[in-house]
């Protein structure tokens, strides 16, 4: 059976990239593959223990961290190379920006025959400085030369990478992130009493209008825009509540959460904005939302949007990557707003709030697309397409590694 190593910078249950990777890893283990993981220092201890119990060998590298530290990168690169040489994998499959660049270059240096990278989100978004974007594009192009397949979580992000000449069509594969929608099916059938229990747990009154924002507590998710919008909205709709559901894992992210909480206090929105920790059973929280917002600066294709569409919740999202794609698959499922445009963002929310106020029944103002969503974003389809890609690459893995690779990697160490 083949031997594969997945490389990730971080490993947290609240991260969509982690959840997707673990689904793939579990699947391969059940098929009898030998599966190892290389992860950075920023990882959940219980999650690592869970992986080890399943028989997955986990290498945790203390010098591999999420944010850039030049000296640490050299040490992490060297450590990854040593592991890959020692273990002799058939496939190395990398994830995320730093894990993807360091992991792929290390795989080439170690002589790994098949190298795959999944792009969960852009490593060079417009929100970064020109210097940072240029650096990542440069590094992605080098790593891309030696990547046999690039998996994109959405078509739009794949187009961005091809336009930047990081990947080419024959190398690029769109494979949506699969989800188990059973909990969401159950949530659609929740009674008003069941919803009232969830609301009461967080001090939300029955007549309050609930706006939901789900995602990791990191600056790229744009929570500040949602908070600013609330300051405007409650002037007309004081019974509106914003629930921010997510977790800040790293110290920098925890500082950002403190900044958000301070902002809420300064704007005197304590009674209108609630911070709720990451919820494993998130479907029941979608069931109590009247509106869903996603004010992210950038995304690959956010998992939360198909989830909200499945539940038939009106969506207002910044046009930040993958949003248009979902709305084209499910026409009329939500509203796209130019990223950062607060006027249009607030105006769109006010229009939906007005409709909610004028409703004479409890019918959702937006259509539901459970069948389409559960088909396009199915776990079975994700695993089937990934399996087919692995099988094809294993079949043609006799291709030679380019002769100039050693020299190029040495130059960039």
Protein backbone atom coordinates (compact mmCIF):
# COMPACT_ATOMS: atom_id res chain seq x y z
CA UNK A 1 0.00 0.00 0.00
CA UNK A 2 1.20 3.57 -0.67
CA UNK A 3 2.81 5.68 2.04
CA UNK A 4 1.69 9.31 2.26
CA UNK A 5 2.57 12.33 4.40
CA UNK A 6 0.31 15.33 4.88
CA UNK A 7 2.08 18.55 5.89
CA UNK A 8 0.19 21.37 7.66
CA UNK A 9 1.43 24.47 9.45
CA UNK A 10 -1.37 24.42 12.05
CA UNK A 11 -3.79 21.80 13.33
CA UNK A 12 -6.94 23.08 15.04
CA UNK A 13 -10.46 21.67 14.89
CA UNK A 14 -11.86 25.16 14.30
CA UNK A 15 -9.93 25.37 11.00
CA UNK A 16 -11.62 24.19 7.83
CA UNK A 17 -8.30 23.06 6.37
CA UNK A 18 -7.72 20.82 9.40
CA UNK A 19 -11.19 19.29 9.23
CA UNK A 20 -10.85 18.56 5.52
CA UNK A 21 -7.38 17.04 5.90
CA UNK A 22 -8.45 14.79 8.77
CA UNK A 23 -11.40 13.47 6.75
CA UNK A 24 -8.98 12.58 3.94
CA UNK A 25 -6.49 11.04 6.38
CA UNK A 26 -9.18 8.88 8.06
CA UNK A 27 -10.33 7.68 4.64
CA UNK A 28 -6.81 6.66 3.60
CA UNK A 29 -6.23 4.85 6.90
CA UNK A 30 -9.40 2.80 6.33
CA UNK A 31 -8.11 1.88 2.88
CA UNK A 32 -4.94 0.50 4.45
CA UNK A 33 -2.52 3.26 3.47
CA UNK A 34 0.38 4.24 5.75
CA UNK A 35 -0.43 7.82 6.72
CA UNK A 36 1.88 10.25 8.51
CA UNK A 37 1.50 13.94 9.29
CA UNK A 38 4.04 16.72 9.76
CA UNK A 39 2.62 19.68 11.66
CA UNK A 40 3.92 22.90 13.19
CA UNK A 41 4.10 23.93 16.82
CA UNK A 42 0.67 25.57 16.72
CA UNK A 43 -1.58 22.55 17.11
CA UNK A 44 -4.23 21.09 19.38
CA UNK A 45 -2.80 18.54 21.82
CA UNK A 46 -6.04 16.54 22.06
CA UNK A 47 -6.28 16.45 18.26
CA UNK A 48 -2.72 15.14 17.97
CA UNK A 49 -3.50 12.46 20.56
CA UNK A 50 -6.63 11.49 18.63
CA UNK A 51 -4.59 11.09 15.43
CA UNK A 52 -1.96 8.96 17.19
CA UNK A 53 -4.65 6.68 18.65
CA UNK A 54 -5.90 6.03 15.11
CA UNK A 55 -2.43 4.87 14.09
CA UNK A 56 -1.29 8.05 12.35
CA UNK A 57 2.37 8.87 13.00
CA UNK A 58 2.62 12.60 13.79
CA UNK A 59 5.85 14.60 13.57
CA UNK A 60 5.49 17.95 15.32
CA UNK A 61 8.16 20.52 14.40
CA UNK A 62 8.58 23.24 17.04
CA UNK A 63 10.28 25.67 14.64
CA UNK A 64 7.44 25.49 12.08
CA UNK A 65 4.98 28.25 12.97
CA UNK A 66 2.17 30.09 11.19
CA UNK A 67 3.80 33.48 10.87
CA UNK A 68 7.10 34.25 9.11
CA UNK A 69 10.37 33.98 11.07
CA UNK A 70 13.27 33.71 8.54
CA UNK A 71 15.72 31.85 10.79
CA UNK A 72 13.06 29.40 11.93
CA UNK A 73 12.07 28.70 8.32
CA UNK A 74 15.58 27.40 7.55
CA UNK A 75 15.49 25.09 10.58
CA UNK A 76 11.97 23.89 9.76
CA UNK A 77 12.92 23.23 6.13
CA UNK A 78 15.94 21.17 7.18
CA UNK A 79 13.88 19.17 9.68
CA UNK A 80 11.16 18.41 7.12
CA UNK A 81 13.76 17.28 4.56
CA UNK A 82 15.29 14.88 7.09
CA UNK A 83 11.91 13.36 7.96
CA UNK A 84 10.95 12.92 4.31
CA UNK A 85 14.28 11.31 3.42
CA UNK A 86 14.09 8.99 6.41
CA UNK A 87 10.49 7.88 5.81
CA UNK A 88 10.61 7.55 2.00
CA UNK A 89 7.03 8.51 1.12
CA UNK A 90 5.29 7.77 -2.16
CA UNK A 91 3.24 10.98 -1.89
CA UNK A 92 3.67 14.22 0.02
CA UNK A 93 0.48 16.30 0.22
CA UNK A 94 0.90 19.82 1.60
CA UNK A 95 -1.60 22.37 2.88
CA UNK A 96 -1.70 26.09 3.73
CA UNK A 97 0.78 28.81 2.73
CA UNK A 98 3.95 28.15 4.71
CA UNK A 99 3.40 24.42 5.06
CA UNK A 100 2.79 24.30 1.34
CA UNK A 101 5.91 26.19 0.29
CA UNK A 102 8.36 24.69 2.79
CA UNK A 103 6.82 21.22 2.50
CA UNK A 104 6.93 21.08 -1.29
CA UNK A 105 10.49 22.40 -1.57
CA UNK A 106 11.57 19.96 1.15
CA UNK A 107 9.82 17.12 -0.70
CA UNK A 108 11.74 17.93 -3.86
CA UNK A 109 15.01 18.13 -1.95
CA UNK A 110 14.25 14.74 -0.39
CA UNK A 111 13.50 13.17 -3.77
CA UNK A 112 9.77 12.51 -3.22
CA UNK A 113 8.22 11.39 -6.50
CA UNK A 114 4.67 12.75 -6.11
CA UNK A 115 3.99 16.18 -4.64
CA UNK A 116 0.46 17.55 -4.23
CA UNK A 117 -0.66 20.85 -2.71
CA UNK A 118 -4.14 21.92 -1.61
CA UNK A 119 -4.81 25.65 -1.74
CA UNK A 120 -7.36 26.40 1.00
CA UNK A 121 -7.00 30.17 0.62
CA UNK A 122 -4.78 32.63 -1.29
CA UNK A 123 -1.29 33.17 0.13
CA UNK A 124 -1.04 36.56 -1.60
CA UNK A 125 -4.39 38.35 -1.02
CA UNK A 126 -4.82 42.03 -1.91
CA UNK A 127 -5.06 42.88 1.79
CA UNK A 128 -1.34 42.07 2.21
CA UNK A 129 1.37 44.62 1.41
CA UNK A 130 2.85 44.70 -2.08
CA UNK A 131 6.13 43.34 -0.71
CA UNK A 132 4.43 40.41 1.05
CA UNK A 133 2.32 39.58 -2.02
CA UNK A 134 5.35 39.69 -4.28
CA UNK A 135 7.35 37.43 -1.95
CA UNK A 136 4.60 34.81 -1.77
CA UNK A 137 3.94 34.87 -5.52
CA UNK A 138 7.67 34.36 -6.11
CA UNK A 139 7.87 31.45 -3.66
CA UNK A 140 4.61 29.90 -4.93
CA UNK A 141 5.97 29.98 -8.49
CA UNK A 142 9.12 28.13 -7.44
CA UNK A 143 7.16 25.53 -5.48
CA UNK A 144 4.60 25.30 -8.28
CA UNK A 145 7.25 24.17 -10.77
CA UNK A 146 7.70 20.95 -8.84
CA UNK A 147 4.09 20.33 -7.82
CA UNK A 148 2.48 17.53 -9.77
CA UNK A 149 -1.06 18.53 -8.83
CA UNK A 150 -2.64 21.54 -7.16
CA UNK A 151 -6.05 21.08 -5.58
CA UNK A 152 -8.20 24.19 -5.21
CA UNK A 153 -11.20 24.37 -2.88
CA UNK A 154 -12.98 26.52 -5.47
CA UNK A 155 -12.75 27.43 -9.17
CA UNK A 156 -12.24 31.12 -8.51
CA UNK A 157 -9.09 30.65 -6.43
CA UNK A 158 -7.78 28.25 -9.07
CA UNK A 159 -8.23 30.97 -11.69
CA UNK A 160 -6.29 33.41 -9.49
CA UNK A 161 -3.34 31.03 -9.26
CA UNK A 162 -3.37 30.33 -12.99
CA UNK A 163 -3.58 34.05 -13.77
CA UNK A 164 -0.54 34.59 -11.53
CA UNK A 165 1.21 31.83 -13.53
CA UNK A 166 1.71 29.70 -10.43
CA UNK A 167 -0.24 26.77 -11.84
CA UNK A 168 -1.34 25.63 -15.29
CA UNK A 169 -4.63 23.99 -16.33
CA UNK A 170 -3.39 20.38 -16.53
CA UNK A 171 -1.91 20.73 -13.04
CA UNK A 172 -5.03 22.31 -11.48
CA UNK A 173 -7.96 20.45 -9.95
CA UNK A 174 -11.06 21.92 -8.27
CA UNK A 175 -12.27 19.68 -5.45
CA UNK A 176 -14.83 21.24 -3.12
CA UNK A 177 -14.52 20.62 0.61
CA UNK A 178 -17.03 17.95 1.58
CA UNK A 179 -19.27 18.28 4.60
CA UNK A 180 -21.66 16.00 6.45
CA UNK A 181 -24.97 17.85 6.28
CA UNK A 182 -26.96 15.45 8.48
CA UNK A 183 -26.83 17.86 11.42
CA UNK A 184 -28.04 20.66 9.16
CA UNK A 185 -30.96 18.55 7.96
CA UNK A 186 -31.91 18.00 11.61
CA UNK A 187 -31.49 21.71 12.36
CA UNK A 188 -33.94 22.61 9.59
CA UNK A 189 -36.56 20.66 11.52
CA UNK A 190 -35.87 22.18 14.94
CA UNK A 191 -39.02 23.28 16.78
CA UNK A 192 -39.48 26.81 18.07
CA UNK A 193 -39.04 25.50 21.61
CA UNK A 194 -35.69 23.93 20.68
CA UNK A 195 -34.57 27.19 19.10
CA UNK A 196 -35.72 29.08 22.18
CA UNK A 197 -33.40 26.94 24.33
CA UNK A 198 -30.38 27.93 22.23
CA UNK A 199 -31.38 31.59 22.28
CA UNK A 200 -31.98 31.60 26.05
CA UNK A 201 -28.57 30.04 26.64
CA UNK A 202 -27.03 33.27 25.38
CA UNK A 203 -29.57 35.79 26.61
CA UNK A 204 -31.24 36.27 23.23
CA UNK A 205 -34.92 37.18 23.45
CA UNK A 206 -37.54 35.50 21.30
CA UNK A 207 -38.26 38.71 19.37
CA UNK A 208 -34.62 39.61 18.77
CA UNK A 209 -33.36 39.50 15.20
CA UNK A 210 -30.16 37.45 15.10
CA UNK A 211 -27.32 38.18 12.70
CA UNK A 212 -24.71 35.42 12.68
CA UNK A 213 -21.00 35.52 11.83
CA UNK A 214 -19.14 32.20 11.97
CA UNK A 215 -15.40 31.78 11.54
CA UNK A 216 -12.02 31.78 13.24
CA UNK A 217 -11.25 34.94 15.19
CA UNK A 218 -8.53 36.27 12.89
CA UNK A 219 -8.16 39.71 11.23
CA UNK A 220 -8.76 38.36 7.72
CA UNK A 221 -12.35 37.46 8.69
CA UNK A 222 -13.21 41.17 8.98
CA UNK A 223 -15.22 41.08 12.21
CA UNK A 224 -14.54 44.80 12.63
CA UNK A 225 -16.84 45.54 9.67
CA UNK A 226 -19.66 43.53 11.23
CA UNK A 227 -19.25 45.40 14.53
CA UNK A 228 -19.24 48.79 12.81
CA UNK A 229 -22.35 47.84 10.86
CA UNK A 230 -24.14 46.94 14.10
CA UNK A 231 -23.41 50.41 15.45
CA UNK A 232 -25.40 51.77 12.50
CA UNK A 233 -28.15 49.15 12.40
CA UNK A 234 -29.26 49.36 16.02
CA UNK A 235 -30.19 53.01 15.57
CA UNK A 236 -33.20 51.79 13.58
CA UNK A 237 -33.39 48.17 14.74
CA UNK A 238 -32.37 48.14 18.43
CA UNK A 239 -33.58 44.55 18.95
CA UNK A 240 -30.91 43.24 16.55
CA UNK A 241 -28.22 40.93 17.97
CA UNK A 242 -24.93 39.93 16.34
CA UNK A 243 -23.48 36.60 17.42
CA UNK A 244 -19.80 36.10 16.58
CA UNK A 245 -19.05 32.38 16.74
CA UNK A 246 -15.43 31.29 16.56
CA UNK A 247 -12.16 30.79 18.36
CA UNK A 248 -8.84 32.65 18.54
CA UNK A 249 -6.14 29.97 18.74
CA UNK A 250 -2.79 31.78 18.57
CA UNK A 251 -1.50 34.64 20.78
CA UNK A 252 -1.75 37.18 17.92
CA UNK A 253 -5.31 36.06 17.26
CA UNK A 254 -6.18 36.32 20.97
CA UNK A 255 -4.89 39.91 20.96
CA UNK A 256 -7.17 40.57 18.00
CA UNK A 257 -10.15 39.18 19.92
CA UNK A 258 -9.33 41.50 22.83
CA UNK A 259 -9.28 44.40 20.35
CA UNK A 260 -12.73 43.38 19.08
CA UNK A 261 -14.16 43.13 22.58
CA UNK A 262 -12.74 46.55 23.48
CA UNK A 263 -14.28 47.99 20.35
CA UNK A 264 -17.68 46.56 21.31
CA UNK A 265 -17.42 48.17 24.76
CA UNK A 266 -16.30 51.53 23.35
CA UNK A 267 -19.27 51.58 20.97
CA UNK A 268 -21.58 50.50 23.82
CA UNK A 269 -22.74 47.44 21.95
CA UNK A 270 -22.34 44.97 24.83
CA UNK A 271 -26.05 44.18 24.81
CA UNK A 272 -26.18 43.70 21.04
CA UNK A 273 -23.02 41.74 20.25
CA UNK A 274 -22.26 38.34 21.74
CA UNK A 275 -19.01 36.38 21.46
CA UNK A 276 -19.61 32.63 21.39
CA UNK A 277 -16.75 30.11 21.39
CA UNK A 278 -16.23 27.60 18.56
CA UNK A 279 -19.17 25.21 18.44
CA UNK A 280 -18.70 21.65 17.22
CA UNK A 281 -22.49 21.35 16.83
CA UNK A 282 -22.81 24.56 14.85
CA UNK A 283 -25.92 23.61 12.83
CA UNK A 284 -28.31 24.45 15.68
CA UNK A 285 -26.86 27.96 15.82
CA UNK A 286 -27.56 28.50 12.12
CA UNK A 287 -31.16 27.54 12.94
CA UNK A 288 -31.60 30.60 15.20
CA UNK A 289 -30.09 33.08 12.71
CA UNK A 290 -32.22 35.46 10.70
CA UNK A 291 -29.30 36.79 8.64
CA UNK A 292 -25.78 35.49 8.00
CA UNK A 293 -22.83 37.81 7.35
CA UNK A 294 -19.31 37.16 6.06
CA UNK A 295 -17.17 40.34 6.02
CA UNK A 296 -13.88 38.56 5.19
CA UNK A 297 -11.06 40.34 3.36
CA UNK A 298 -10.23 37.16 1.46
CA UNK A 299 -11.19 33.47 1.29
CA UNK A 300 -10.58 30.40 -0.83
CA UNK A 301 -14.16 29.23 -0.72
CA UNK A 302 -15.57 29.68 2.79
CA UNK A 303 -17.25 26.55 4.17
CA UNK A 304 -19.73 28.69 6.09
CA UNK A 305 -21.39 29.98 2.93
CA UNK A 306 -22.61 26.58 1.65
CA UNK A 307 -23.73 25.85 5.23
CA UNK A 308 -25.77 29.07 5.43
CA UNK A 309 -27.19 28.49 1.95
CA UNK A 310 -28.23 24.96 2.96
CA UNK A 311 -30.15 26.48 5.89
CA UNK A 312 -31.87 29.08 3.70
CA UNK A 313 -30.53 32.06 5.66
CA UNK A 314 -30.27 35.43 3.87
CA UNK A 315 -26.55 36.12 3.34
CA UNK A 316 -24.65 39.37 3.06
CA UNK A 317 -21.01 38.76 2.18
CA UNK A 318 -18.07 40.75 0.94
CA UNK A 319 -17.11 39.56 -2.53
CA UNK A 320 -13.91 38.04 -1.19
CA UNK A 321 -13.35 34.81 -3.11
CA UNK A 322 -15.64 31.87 -3.76
CA UNK A 323 -18.80 33.81 -2.87
CA UNK A 324 -19.80 34.43 -6.47
CA UNK A 325 -19.12 30.77 -7.24
CA UNK A 326 -21.56 29.52 -4.58
CA UNK A 327 -24.24 32.03 -5.55
CA UNK A 328 -23.97 30.99 -9.21
CA UNK A 329 -24.52 27.36 -8.19
CA UNK A 330 -27.44 28.45 -5.99
CA UNK A 331 -28.97 31.54 -7.69
CA UNK A 332 -30.62 34.02 -5.37
CA UNK A 333 -29.01 32.57 -2.24
CA UNK A 334 -27.49 35.83 -1.04
CA UNK A 335 -26.01 39.26 -1.66
CA UNK A 336 -22.43 40.05 -2.67
CA UNK A 337 -21.06 43.42 -1.61
CA UNK A 338 -17.77 44.96 -2.81
CA UNK A 339 -15.16 44.14 -0.16
CA UNK A 340 -14.81 46.96 2.36
CA UNK A 341 -17.80 48.95 1.08
CA UNK A 342 -19.49 49.79 4.40
CA UNK A 343 -22.23 51.90 2.85
CA UNK A 344 -23.50 49.11 0.59
CA UNK A 345 -22.93 46.54 3.32
CA UNK A 346 -25.14 48.41 5.82
CA UNK A 347 -27.68 49.32 3.17
CA UNK A 348 -28.11 45.67 2.14
CA UNK A 349 -28.49 44.57 5.76
CA UNK A 350 -31.08 47.30 6.38
CA UNK A 351 -33.08 46.15 3.34
CA UNK A 352 -33.19 42.58 4.67
CA UNK A 353 -34.04 43.75 8.20
CA UNK A 354 -36.92 45.77 6.78
CA UNK A 355 -38.24 42.68 5.00
CA UNK A 356 -37.97 40.63 8.20
CA UNK A 357 -39.94 43.29 10.09
CA UNK A 358 -42.67 43.37 7.46
CA UNK A 359 -43.07 39.58 7.29
CA UNK A 360 -46.42 38.29 8.47
CA UNK A 361 -45.28 34.67 8.81
CA UNK A 362 -42.14 32.73 9.65
CA UNK A 363 -41.27 31.68 6.11
CA UNK A 364 -37.69 32.28 5.11
CA UNK A 365 -37.30 35.18 2.64
CA UNK A 366 -34.57 33.30 0.81
CA UNK A 367 -34.72 29.91 -0.96
CA UNK A 368 -33.09 26.79 0.42
CA UNK A 369 -30.82 24.59 -1.65
CA UNK A 370 -30.20 21.53 0.56
CA UNK A 371 -30.12 19.02 -2.32
CA UNK A 372 -27.71 21.02 -4.47
CA UNK A 373 -25.42 21.91 -1.56
CA UNK A 374 -25.27 18.37 -0.16
CA UNK A 375 -24.45 17.04 -3.64
CA UNK A 376 -21.78 19.57 -4.67
CA UNK A 377 -20.14 19.73 -1.24
CA UNK A 378 -20.44 16.03 -0.39
CA UNK A 379 -17.68 14.16 1.45
CA UNK A 380 -18.04 11.17 -0.90
CA UNK A 381 -17.44 13.32 -3.96
CA UNK A 382 -14.42 15.03 -2.35
CA UNK A 383 -12.85 11.68 -1.43
CA UNK A 384 -13.69 10.09 -4.80
CA UNK A 385 -12.00 12.91 -6.74
CA UNK A 386 -8.96 12.95 -4.44
CA UNK A 387 -8.64 9.13 -4.69
CA UNK A 388 -8.79 9.35 -8.49
CA UNK A 389 -6.05 11.99 -8.50
CA UNK A 390 -3.80 9.92 -6.22
CA UNK A 391 -4.38 6.82 -8.36
CA UNK A 392 -3.52 8.63 -11.59
CA UNK A 393 -0.34 10.16 -10.17
CA UNK A 394 0.81 6.84 -8.71
CA UNK A 395 0.27 5.25 -12.11
CA UNK A 396 2.47 7.79 -13.90
CA UNK A 397 4.95 8.40 -11.08
CA UNK A 398 7.88 7.25 -13.16
CA UNK A 399 8.40 10.79 -14.47
CA UNK A 400 11.86 12.15 -13.59
CA UNK A 401 12.53 14.95 -11.13
CA UNK A 402 13.96 17.94 -13.10
CA UNK A 403 17.77 17.85 -13.18
CA UNK A 404 18.16 21.45 -12.05
CA UNK A 405 16.03 21.06 -8.91
CA UNK A 406 18.91 20.53 -6.46
CA UNK A 407 20.65 23.70 -7.59
CA UNK A 408 17.46 25.77 -7.44
CA UNK A 409 16.56 24.55 -3.94
CA UNK A 410 20.10 25.18 -2.66
CA UNK A 411 19.94 28.75 -3.90
CA UNK A 412 16.67 29.32 -2.04
CA UNK A 413 17.58 27.63 1.25
